[in-house]
Amino acid sequence: MKKIYGFFVSMAFLTLGLNAQVIKVQFEGEDVSDNDTLNVEVAAGEEVTTYFILTNQSSETLSLRSAYSRLKVNEGDEFLMCFGECTTDTVSAVVDVEAGATFNNFDIAFTAGSDNSTLIEVFLMKASQDGTGEEVVRNFYVKYANPDVSVASTAKTQPLSVDIYPNPMSSNASINYFVPAKYGNAQLLVRNMVGKTVKTFNLRCGENAKLNISSTDLANGVYFYSIVSNGTTLTTKKLVVRK
C-alpha cells in the first residue's frame, strides 16, 4: 500500500520571513501553500516517499535549507530527507538555487513503525552558511496514516508532545503541540534560568495545535518551556534565544 491520497488546503495563511511567492512548491503536480496538509497513505512496516519540486521565482540566487519538525511520531518511525544530499537528521545542508531555476532533488522517505498516524511540519529556509539568521520562507505539513485504522482509536493513543522551531530562535518561532484531552487547564510556561516565568500561553487540549512566539521581549540566552496542567508540570524542554 504505497498510495498517496488526498490533498487538503488549510484555510489559514501565514506569512513567514520572505514573501512566500519567492519559492514555489509543488507536490503531485499541485501547488502547495503555507500551512497546507499533504495526506499520505501508508501501513505499518511500509515505506513511502514524497517528492517535491521547488522553483525560485525571485531575481536572485537563494541559499536554501530544508528542515522538518516531528509533531507526532510513533516508536519505529523512520525518516530519510534528501535535499541535494540525504540525511537522517531533521535539518539539511544548504543548496544554492539560481533565479528562475527549478530544484527537484527534494524528497522525504518515511517508514511507518505502526498504524498510528504520524505528523511532521516541513520548513524551507533562506539559509546562512553558519546556520544563524535563517528565515523560514515556506511551511507545510505531511500527515502519514493508515485509512483502515479508525481516527478515534488513533487519537486516544496520541501522546503529549511539544516542539519549538526554529530552536535556537532569532525573532519568531512556532510552537507545535498536542495535549491529550484528559488534561485540563493546560498552559505553556517559558521560564528563564532563575525560574522566573517570562511568557504564559493557554493551550487547547485534545487536538494538534500551533501558536507563535516572539523574542522581542527576550534577551539572548537559555530558557525552558514547560506544559503545565492544574499545577503539575508534564514536560519541560530547552529554548535558546540567539538574536
C-alpha atoms as a PDB file:
ATOM      1  CA  MET A   1       0.000   0.000   0.000  1.00  0.00           C
ATOM      2  CA  LYS A   2       2.205   2.825  -1.272  1.00  0.00           C
ATOM      3  CA  LYS A   3      -0.614   5.030  -2.433  1.00  0.00           C
ATOM      4  CA  ILE A   4      -0.569   8.754  -1.786  1.00  0.00           C
ATOM      5  CA  TYR A   5      -4.033  10.164  -1.392  1.00  0.00           C
ATOM      6  CA  GLY A   6      -5.832  13.374  -0.701  1.00  0.00           C
ATOM      7  CA  PHE A   7      -4.673  16.968  -0.756  1.00  0.00           C
ATOM      8  CA  PHE A   8      -6.440  19.269   1.661  1.00  0.00           C
ATOM      9  CA  VAL A   9      -5.793  23.000   1.766  1.00  0.00           C
ATOM     10  CA  SER A  10      -5.810  24.779   5.098  1.00  0.00           C
ATOM     11  CA  MET A  11      -7.918  27.966   5.244  1.00  0.00           C
ATOM     12  CA  ALA A  12      -5.241  29.791   7.230  1.00  0.00           C
ATOM     13  CA  PHE A  13      -2.368  31.718   5.623  1.00  0.00           C
ATOM     14  CA  LEU A  14       0.830  32.512   7.495  1.00  0.00           C
ATOM     15  CA  THR A  15       3.453  34.933   6.266  1.00  0.00           C
ATOM     16  CA  LEU A  16       6.862  33.562   7.302  1.00  0.00           C
ATOM     17  CA  GLY A  17      10.041  35.529   6.649  1.00  0.00           C
ATOM     18  CA  LEU A  18      10.246  36.436   2.962  1.00  0.00           C
ATOM     19  CA  ASN A  19       7.249  36.654   0.658  1.00  0.00           C
ATOM     20  CA  ALA A  20       6.028  33.067   0.180  1.00  0.00           C
ATOM     21  CA  GLN A  21       5.754  33.653  -3.569  1.00  0.00           C
ATOM     22  CA  VAL A  22       9.564  33.765  -3.781  1.00  0.00           C
ATOM     23  CA  ILE A  23       9.652  29.954  -3.591  1.00  0.00           C
ATOM     24  CA  LYS A  24       7.032  27.872  -5.391  1.00  0.00           C
ATOM     25  CA  VAL A  25       6.468  24.360  -4.007  1.00  0.00           C
ATOM     26  CA  GLN A  26       4.697  21.605  -5.928  1.00  0.00           C
ATOM     27  CA  PHE A  27       3.606  18.118  -4.884  1.00  0.00           C
ATOM     28  CA  GLU A  28       1.990  15.648  -7.259  1.00  0.00           C
ATOM     29  CA  GLY A  29       1.606  18.463  -9.809  1.00  0.00           C
ATOM     30  CA  GLU A  30      -0.299  20.708  -7.357  1.00  0.00           C
ATOM     31  CA  ASP A  31       0.923  23.972  -5.837  1.00  0.00           C
ATOM     32  CA  VAL A  32       1.495  23.804  -2.076  1.00  0.00           C
ATOM     33  CA  SER A  33       0.589  26.833   0.040  1.00  0.00           C
ATOM     34  CA  ASP A  34       1.754  27.672   3.554  1.00  0.00           C
ATOM     35  CA  ASN A  35       0.042  25.516   6.204  1.00  0.00           C
ATOM     36  CA  ASP A  36      -1.325  23.039   3.638  1.00  0.00           C
ATOM     37  CA  THR A  37      -1.509  19.418   4.789  1.00  0.00           C
ATOM     38  CA  LEU A  38      -0.442  16.618   2.457  1.00  0.00           C
ATOM     39  CA  ASN A  39      -2.121  13.354   3.404  1.00  0.00           C
ATOM     40  CA  VAL A  40      -0.096  10.234   2.660  1.00  0.00           C
ATOM     41  CA  GLU A  41      -1.452   6.703   2.976  1.00  0.00           C
ATOM     42  CA  VAL A  42       0.883   4.095   4.472  1.00  0.00           C
ATOM     43  CA  ALA A  43       0.538   0.973   6.640  1.00  0.00           C
ATOM     44  CA  ALA A  44       2.802  -0.311   9.418  1.00  0.00           C
ATOM     45  CA  GLY A  45       6.147  -1.559   8.088  1.00  0.00           C
ATOM     46  CA  GLU A  46       5.738   0.085   4.692  1.00  0.00           C
ATOM     47  CA  GLU A  47       7.883   2.827   3.172  1.00  0.00           C
ATOM     48  CA  VAL A  48       6.564   5.734   1.110  1.00  0.00           C
ATOM     49  CA  THR A  49       8.437   8.656  -0.447  1.00  0.00           C
ATOM     50  CA  THR A  50       7.002  12.109  -1.084  1.00  0.00           C
ATOM     51  CA  TYR A  51       8.662  14.152  -3.851  1.00  0.00           C
ATOM     52  CA  PHE A  52       8.641  17.947  -4.052  1.00  0.00           C
ATOM     53  CA  ILE A  53       9.576  20.400  -6.822  1.00  0.00           C
ATOM     54  CA  LEU A  54      10.820  23.869  -5.899  1.00  0.00           C
ATOM     55  CA  THR A  55      11.053  26.902  -8.195  1.00  0.00           C
ATOM     56  CA  ASN A  56      12.978  30.043  -7.322  1.00  0.00           C
ATOM     57  CA  GLN A  57      10.667  32.802  -8.561  1.00  0.00           C
ATOM     58  CA  SER A  58      12.914  35.614  -7.328  1.00  0.00           C
ATOM     59  CA  SER A  59      15.505  37.547  -9.317  1.00  0.00           C
ATOM     60  CA  GLU A  60      18.478  36.322  -7.284  1.00  0.00           C
ATOM     61  CA  THR A  61      20.189  33.100  -6.285  1.00  0.00           C
ATOM     62  CA  LEU A  62      18.846  31.797  -2.971  1.00  0.00           C
ATOM     63  CA  SER A  63      20.699  29.627  -0.475  1.00  0.00           C
ATOM     64  CA  LEU A  64      18.024  27.249   0.797  1.00  0.00           C
ATOM     65  CA  ARG A  65      17.838  24.662   3.533  1.00  0.00           C
ATOM     66  CA  SER A  66      15.020  22.230   4.341  1.00  0.00           C
ATOM     67  CA  ALA A  67      14.020  21.015   7.780  1.00  0.00           C
ATOM     68  CA  TYR A  68      11.149  19.270   9.480  1.00  0.00           C
ATOM     69  CA  SER A  69       9.703  19.089  12.961  1.00  0.00           C
ATOM     70  CA  ARG A  70       8.297  15.821  14.307  1.00  0.00           C
ATOM     71  CA  LEU A  71       4.972  16.914  15.746  1.00  0.00           C
ATOM     72  CA  LYS A  72       3.609  13.404  16.303  1.00  0.00           C
ATOM     73  CA  VAL A  73       5.707  10.284  15.808  1.00  0.00           C
ATOM     74  CA  ASN A  74       5.480   6.657  16.871  1.00  0.00           C
ATOM     75  CA  GLU A  75       8.015   4.100  18.002  1.00  0.00           C
ATOM     76  CA  GLY A  76       9.738   2.605  14.988  1.00  0.00           C
ATOM     77  CA  ASP A  77       9.019   5.508  12.605  1.00  0.00           C
ATOM     78  CA  GLU A  78      11.987   6.270  10.340  1.00  0.00           C
ATOM     79  CA  PHE A  79      12.711   9.276   8.105  1.00  0.00           C
ATOM     80  CA  LEU A  80      15.256   9.992   5.378  1.00  0.00           C
ATOM     81  CA  MET A  81      15.217  13.521   3.948  1.00  0.00           C
ATOM     82  CA  CYS A  82      17.016  14.308   0.702  1.00  0.00           C
ATOM     83  CA  PHE A  83      17.695  17.932  -0.178  1.00  0.00           C
ATOM     84  CA  GLY A  84      20.539  17.597  -2.625  1.00  0.00           C
ATOM     85  CA  GLU A  85      22.233  15.258  -0.136  1.00  0.00           C
ATOM     86  CA  CYS A  86      20.331  12.772   2.023  1.00  0.00           C
ATOM     87  CA  THR A  87      20.313  12.803   5.816  1.00  0.00           C
ATOM     88  CA  THR A  88      18.555  11.132   8.742  1.00  0.00           C
ATOM     89  CA  ASP A  89      18.838  14.445  10.591  1.00  0.00           C
ATOM     90  CA  THR A  90      15.923  16.889  10.677  1.00  0.00           C
ATOM     91  CA  VAL A  91      17.910  19.691   9.011  1.00  0.00           C
ATOM     92  CA  SER A  92      19.506  19.523   5.564  1.00  0.00           C
ATOM     93  CA  ALA A  93      22.642  21.026   4.080  1.00  0.00           C
ATOM     94  CA  VAL A  94      22.419  24.297   2.144  1.00  0.00           C
ATOM     95  CA  VAL A  95      21.677  24.241  -1.593  1.00  0.00           C
ATOM     96  CA  ASP A  96      22.008  27.252  -3.909  1.00  0.00           C
ATOM     97  CA  VAL A  97      19.086  27.626  -6.327  1.00  0.00           C
ATOM     98  CA  GLU A  98      19.589  30.155  -9.115  1.00  0.00           C
ATOM     99  CA  ALA A  99      16.961  32.738 -10.049  1.00  0.00           C
ATOM    100  CA  GLY A 100      14.229  31.132 -12.138  1.00  0.00           C
ATOM    101  CA  ALA A 101      15.672  27.649 -11.663  1.00  0.00           C
ATOM    102  CA  THR A 102      13.757  24.506 -10.657  1.00  0.00           C
ATOM    103  CA  PHE A 103      15.108  22.178  -7.972  1.00  0.00           C
ATOM    104  CA  ASN A 104      13.674  18.649  -7.954  1.00  0.00           C
ATOM    105  CA  ASN A 105      16.086  16.791  -5.674  1.00  0.00           C
ATOM    106  CA  PHE A 106      13.895  17.178  -2.572  1.00  0.00           C
ATOM    107  CA  ASP A 107      12.064  14.224  -1.085  1.00  0.00           C
ATOM    108  CA  ILE A 108      11.256  12.613   2.250  1.00  0.00           C
ATOM    109  CA  ALA A 109      11.165   8.832   2.670  1.00  0.00           C
ATOM    110  CA  PHE A 110       9.087   7.567   5.589  1.00  0.00           C
ATOM    111  CA  THR A 111       8.797   4.087   7.061  1.00  0.00           C
ATOM    112  CA  ALA A 112       5.820   3.604   9.387  1.00  0.00           C
ATOM    113  CA  GLY A 113       6.587   1.975  12.711  1.00  0.00           C
ATOM    114  CA  SER A 114       2.893   1.367  13.402  1.00  0.00           C
ATOM    115  CA  ASP A 115      -0.605   2.024  12.063  1.00  0.00           C
ATOM    116  CA  ASN A 116      -0.946   5.118  14.244  1.00  0.00           C
ATOM    117  CA  SER A 117      -0.820   8.409  12.345  1.00  0.00           C
ATOM    118  CA  THR A 118       2.370  10.473  12.112  1.00  0.00           C
ATOM    119  CA  LEU A 119       2.547  14.235  11.554  1.00  0.00           C
ATOM    120  CA  ILE A 120       5.514  16.406  10.593  1.00  0.00           C
ATOM    121  CA  GLU A 121       5.853  20.074   9.688  1.00  0.00           C
ATOM    122  CA  VAL A 122       8.223  20.829   6.811  1.00  0.00           C
ATOM    123  CA  PHE A 123      10.094  24.126   6.524  1.00  0.00           C
ATOM    124  CA  LEU A 124      12.051  25.804   3.736  1.00  0.00           C
ATOM    125  CA  MET A 125      14.514  28.418   4.919  1.00  0.00           C
ATOM    126  CA  LYS A 126      16.647  31.082   3.357  1.00  0.00           C
ATOM    127  CA  ALA A 127      19.873  29.924   4.923  1.00  0.00           C
ATOM    128  CA  SER A 128      23.178  31.334   6.060  1.00  0.00           C
ATOM    129  CA  GLN A 129      26.237  29.115   5.802  1.00  0.00           C
ATOM    130  CA  ASP A 130      26.923  29.340   9.555  1.00  0.00           C
ATOM    131  CA  GLY A 131      23.343  28.404  10.482  1.00  0.00           C
ATOM    132  CA  THR A 132      22.425  31.777  12.010  1.00  0.00           C
ATOM    133  CA  GLY A 133      19.963  34.414  10.914  1.00  0.00           C
ATOM    134  CA  GLU A 134      17.842  31.985   8.889  1.00  0.00           C
ATOM    135  CA  GLU A 135      14.356  32.937   7.710  1.00  0.00           C
ATOM    136  CA  VAL A 136      11.511  30.468   7.266  1.00  0.00           C
ATOM    137  CA  VAL A 137      10.037  31.222   3.839  1.00  0.00           C
ATOM    138  CA  ARG A 138       7.626  28.281   3.379  1.00  0.00           C
ATOM    139  CA  ASN A 139       5.964  25.721   5.655  1.00  0.00           C
ATOM    140  CA  PHE A 140       3.525  22.852   5.194  1.00  0.00           C
ATOM    141  CA  TYR A 141       2.548  19.595   6.902  1.00  0.00           C
ATOM    142  CA  VAL A 142       2.760  15.947   5.901  1.00  0.00           C
ATOM    143  CA  LYS A 143       0.424  13.503   7.646  1.00  0.00           C
ATOM    144  CA  TYR A 144       1.037   9.761   7.312  1.00  0.00           C
ATOM    145  CA  ALA A 145      -1.872   7.477   8.176  1.00  0.00           C
ATOM    146  CA  ASN A 146      -3.441   4.091   7.507  1.00  0.00           C
ATOM    147  CA  PRO A 147      -7.056   4.825   6.464  1.00  0.00           C
ATOM    148  CA  ASP A 148      -8.100   1.381   7.640  1.00  0.00           C
ATOM    149  CA  VAL A 149      -7.434   2.420  11.252  1.00  0.00           C
ATOM    150  CA  SER A 150     -10.196   4.470  12.860  1.00  0.00           C
ATOM    151  CA  VAL A 151      -9.379   8.093  13.627  1.00  0.00           C
ATOM    152  CA  ALA A 152     -10.971   7.788  17.047  1.00  0.00           C
ATOM    153  CA  SER A 153      -8.782   4.913  18.194  1.00  0.00           C
ATOM    154  CA  THR A 154      -5.658   6.678  16.896  1.00  0.00           C
ATOM    155  CA  ALA A 155      -6.492   9.886  18.758  1.00  0.00           C
ATOM    156  CA  LYS A 156      -6.831   8.007  22.040  1.00  0.00           C
ATOM    157  CA  THR A 157      -3.229   6.774  21.781  1.00  0.00           C
ATOM    158  CA  GLN A 158      -1.629  10.076  20.713  1.00  0.00           C
ATOM    159  CA  PRO A 159       0.897  11.121  23.358  1.00  0.00           C
ATOM    160  CA  LEU A 160       1.661  14.536  24.790  1.00  0.00           C
ATOM    161  CA  SER A 161       4.071  16.446  22.543  1.00  0.00           C
ATOM    162  CA  VAL A 162       5.513  19.942  22.199  1.00  0.00           C
ATOM    163  CA  ASP A 163       8.222  21.373  19.956  1.00  0.00           C
ATOM    164  CA  ILE A 164       9.529  24.834  19.067  1.00  0.00           C
ATOM    165  CA  TYR A 165      11.019  25.594  15.662  1.00  0.00           C
ATOM    166  CA  PRO A 166      13.435  27.074  14.872  1.00  0.00           C
ATOM    167  CA  ASN A 167      15.442  26.475  18.034  1.00  0.00           C
ATOM    168  CA  PRO A 168      17.690  28.423  18.546  1.00  0.00           C
ATOM    169  CA  MET A 169      15.296  31.219  17.580  1.00  0.00           C
ATOM    170  CA  SER A 170      16.246  34.719  16.499  1.00  0.00           C
ATOM    171  CA  SER A 171      12.988  36.650  16.134  1.00  0.00           C
ATOM    172  CA  ASN A 172       9.915  34.402  15.792  1.00  0.00           C
ATOM    173  CA  ALA A 173       9.235  30.688  16.237  1.00  0.00           C
ATOM    174  CA  SER A 174       6.320  28.265  16.043  1.00  0.00           C
ATOM    175  CA  ILE A 175       5.206  26.081  18.944  1.00  0.00           C
ATOM    176  CA  ASN A 176       3.502  22.871  17.799  1.00  0.00           C
ATOM    177  CA  TYR A 177       1.837  20.824  20.499  1.00  0.00           C
ATOM    178  CA  PHE A 178      -0.670  18.159  21.412  1.00  0.00           C
ATOM    179  CA  VAL A 179      -2.119  17.885  24.914  1.00  0.00           C
ATOM    180  CA  PRO A 180      -4.371  14.842  25.494  1.00  0.00           C
ATOM    181  CA  ALA A 181      -7.971  15.686  26.367  1.00  0.00           C
ATOM    182  CA  LYS A 182      -7.617  14.089  29.810  1.00  0.00           C
ATOM    183  CA  TYR A 183      -5.574  17.092  30.965  1.00  0.00           C
ATOM    184  CA  GLY A 184      -7.305  20.303  31.981  1.00  0.00           C
ATOM    185  CA  ASN A 185      -6.301  23.958  32.343  1.00  0.00           C
ATOM    186  CA  ALA A 186      -3.166  23.362  30.291  1.00  0.00           C
ATOM    187  CA  GLN A 187      -0.656  26.154  29.865  1.00  0.00           C
ATOM    188  CA  LEU A 188       2.772  26.580  28.302  1.00  0.00           C
ATOM    189  CA  LEU A 189       5.178  28.492  30.521  1.00  0.00           C
ATOM    190  CA  VAL A 190       8.501  29.946  29.385  1.00  0.00           C
ATOM    191  CA  ARG A 191      10.976  30.459  32.239  1.00  0.00           C
ATOM    192  CA  ASN A 192      14.443  31.986  32.407  1.00  0.00           C
ATOM    193  CA  MET A 193      17.499  30.403  34.033  1.00  0.00           C
ATOM    194  CA  VAL A 194      16.464  31.513  37.525  1.00  0.00           C
ATOM    195  CA  GLY A 195      12.971  30.036  37.178  1.00  0.00           C
ATOM    196  CA  LYS A 196      11.054  33.270  36.578  1.00  0.00           C
ATOM    197  CA  THR A 197       8.098  32.884  34.201  1.00  0.00           C
ATOM    198  CA  VAL A 198       8.537  35.308  31.293  1.00  0.00           C
ATOM    199  CA  LYS A 199       5.733  34.110  28.987  1.00  0.00           C
ATOM    200  CA  THR A 200       2.472  32.221  29.501  1.00  0.00           C
ATOM    201  CA  PHE A 201       0.183  30.676  26.880  1.00  0.00           C
ATOM    202  CA  ASN A 202      -3.157  28.916  27.358  1.00  0.00           C
ATOM    203  CA  LEU A 203      -3.314  25.658  25.397  1.00  0.00           C
ATOM    204  CA  ARG A 204      -6.092  23.696  23.695  1.00  0.00           C
ATOM    205  CA  CYS A 205      -6.446  20.036  24.619  1.00  0.00           C
ATOM    206  CA  GLY A 206      -7.371  17.028  22.507  1.00  0.00           C
ATOM    207  CA  GLU A 207      -6.172  18.409  19.166  1.00  0.00           C
ATOM    208  CA  ASN A 208      -2.956  19.185  17.307  1.00  0.00           C
ATOM    209  CA  ALA A 209      -2.450  22.923  17.659  1.00  0.00           C
ATOM    210  CA  LYS A 210       0.064  25.649  16.978  1.00  0.00           C
ATOM    211  CA  LEU A 211       0.959  29.074  18.356  1.00  0.00           C
ATOM    212  CA  ASN A 212       3.662  31.634  17.632  1.00  0.00           C
ATOM    213  CA  ILE A 213       6.236  33.117  19.974  1.00  0.00           C
ATOM    214  CA  SER A 214       8.290  36.304  19.570  1.00  0.00           C
ATOM    215  CA  SER A 215      11.687  37.016  21.106  1.00  0.00           C
ATOM    216  CA  THR A 216      11.133  40.790  21.110  1.00  0.00           C
ATOM    217  CA  ASP A 217      10.996  40.929  24.907  1.00  0.00           C
ATOM    218  CA  LEU A 218      13.527  38.118  25.491  1.00  0.00           C
ATOM    219  CA  ALA A 219      17.253  38.639  25.957  1.00  0.00           C
ATOM    220  CA  ASN A 220      19.780  36.301  24.385  1.00  0.00           C
ATOM    221  CA  GLY A 221      20.258  33.180  26.466  1.00  0.00           C
ATOM    222  CA  VAL A 222      18.808  29.856  27.579  1.00  0.00           C
ATOM    223  CA  TYR A 223      15.164  29.414  28.601  1.00  0.00           C
ATOM    224  CA  PHE A 224      12.969  26.443  29.483  1.00  0.00           C
ATOM    225  CA  TYR A 225       9.425  25.874  28.249  1.00  0.00           C
ATOM    226  CA  SER A 226       7.016  23.584  30.076  1.00  0.00           C
ATOM    227  CA  ILE A 227       3.486  22.288  29.633  1.00  0.00           C
ATOM    228  CA  VAL A 228       1.665  22.560  32.951  1.00  0.00           C
ATOM    229  CA  SER A 229      -1.773  21.151  33.801  1.00  0.00           C
ATOM    230  CA  ASN A 230      -3.529  22.054  37.049  1.00  0.00           C
ATOM    231  CA  GLY A 231      -0.200  22.946  38.629  1.00  0.00           C
ATOM    232  CA  THR A 232       1.586  19.768  37.520  1.00  0.00           C
ATOM    233  CA  THR A 233       4.478  20.006  35.053  1.00  0.00           C
ATOM    234  CA  LEU A 234       4.003  17.423  32.298  1.00  0.00           C
ATOM    235  CA  THR A 235       7.123  18.081  30.224  1.00  0.00           C
ATOM    236  CA  THR A 236       9.985  20.582  30.004  1.00  0.00           C
ATOM    237  CA  LYS A 237      12.362  21.394  27.136  1.00  0.00           C
ATOM    238  CA  LYS A 238      15.132  23.918  26.443  1.00  0.00           C
ATOM    239  CA  LEU A 239      14.822  27.015  24.239  1.00  0.00           C
ATOM    240  CA  VAL A 240      17.799  29.101  23.079  1.00  0.00           C
ATOM    241  CA  VAL A 241      17.358  32.735  22.009  1.00  0.00           C
ATOM    242  CA  ARG A 242      20.127  33.996  19.731  1.00  0.00           C
ATOM    243  CA  LYS A 243      19.442  37.313  18.009  1.00  0.00           C
END
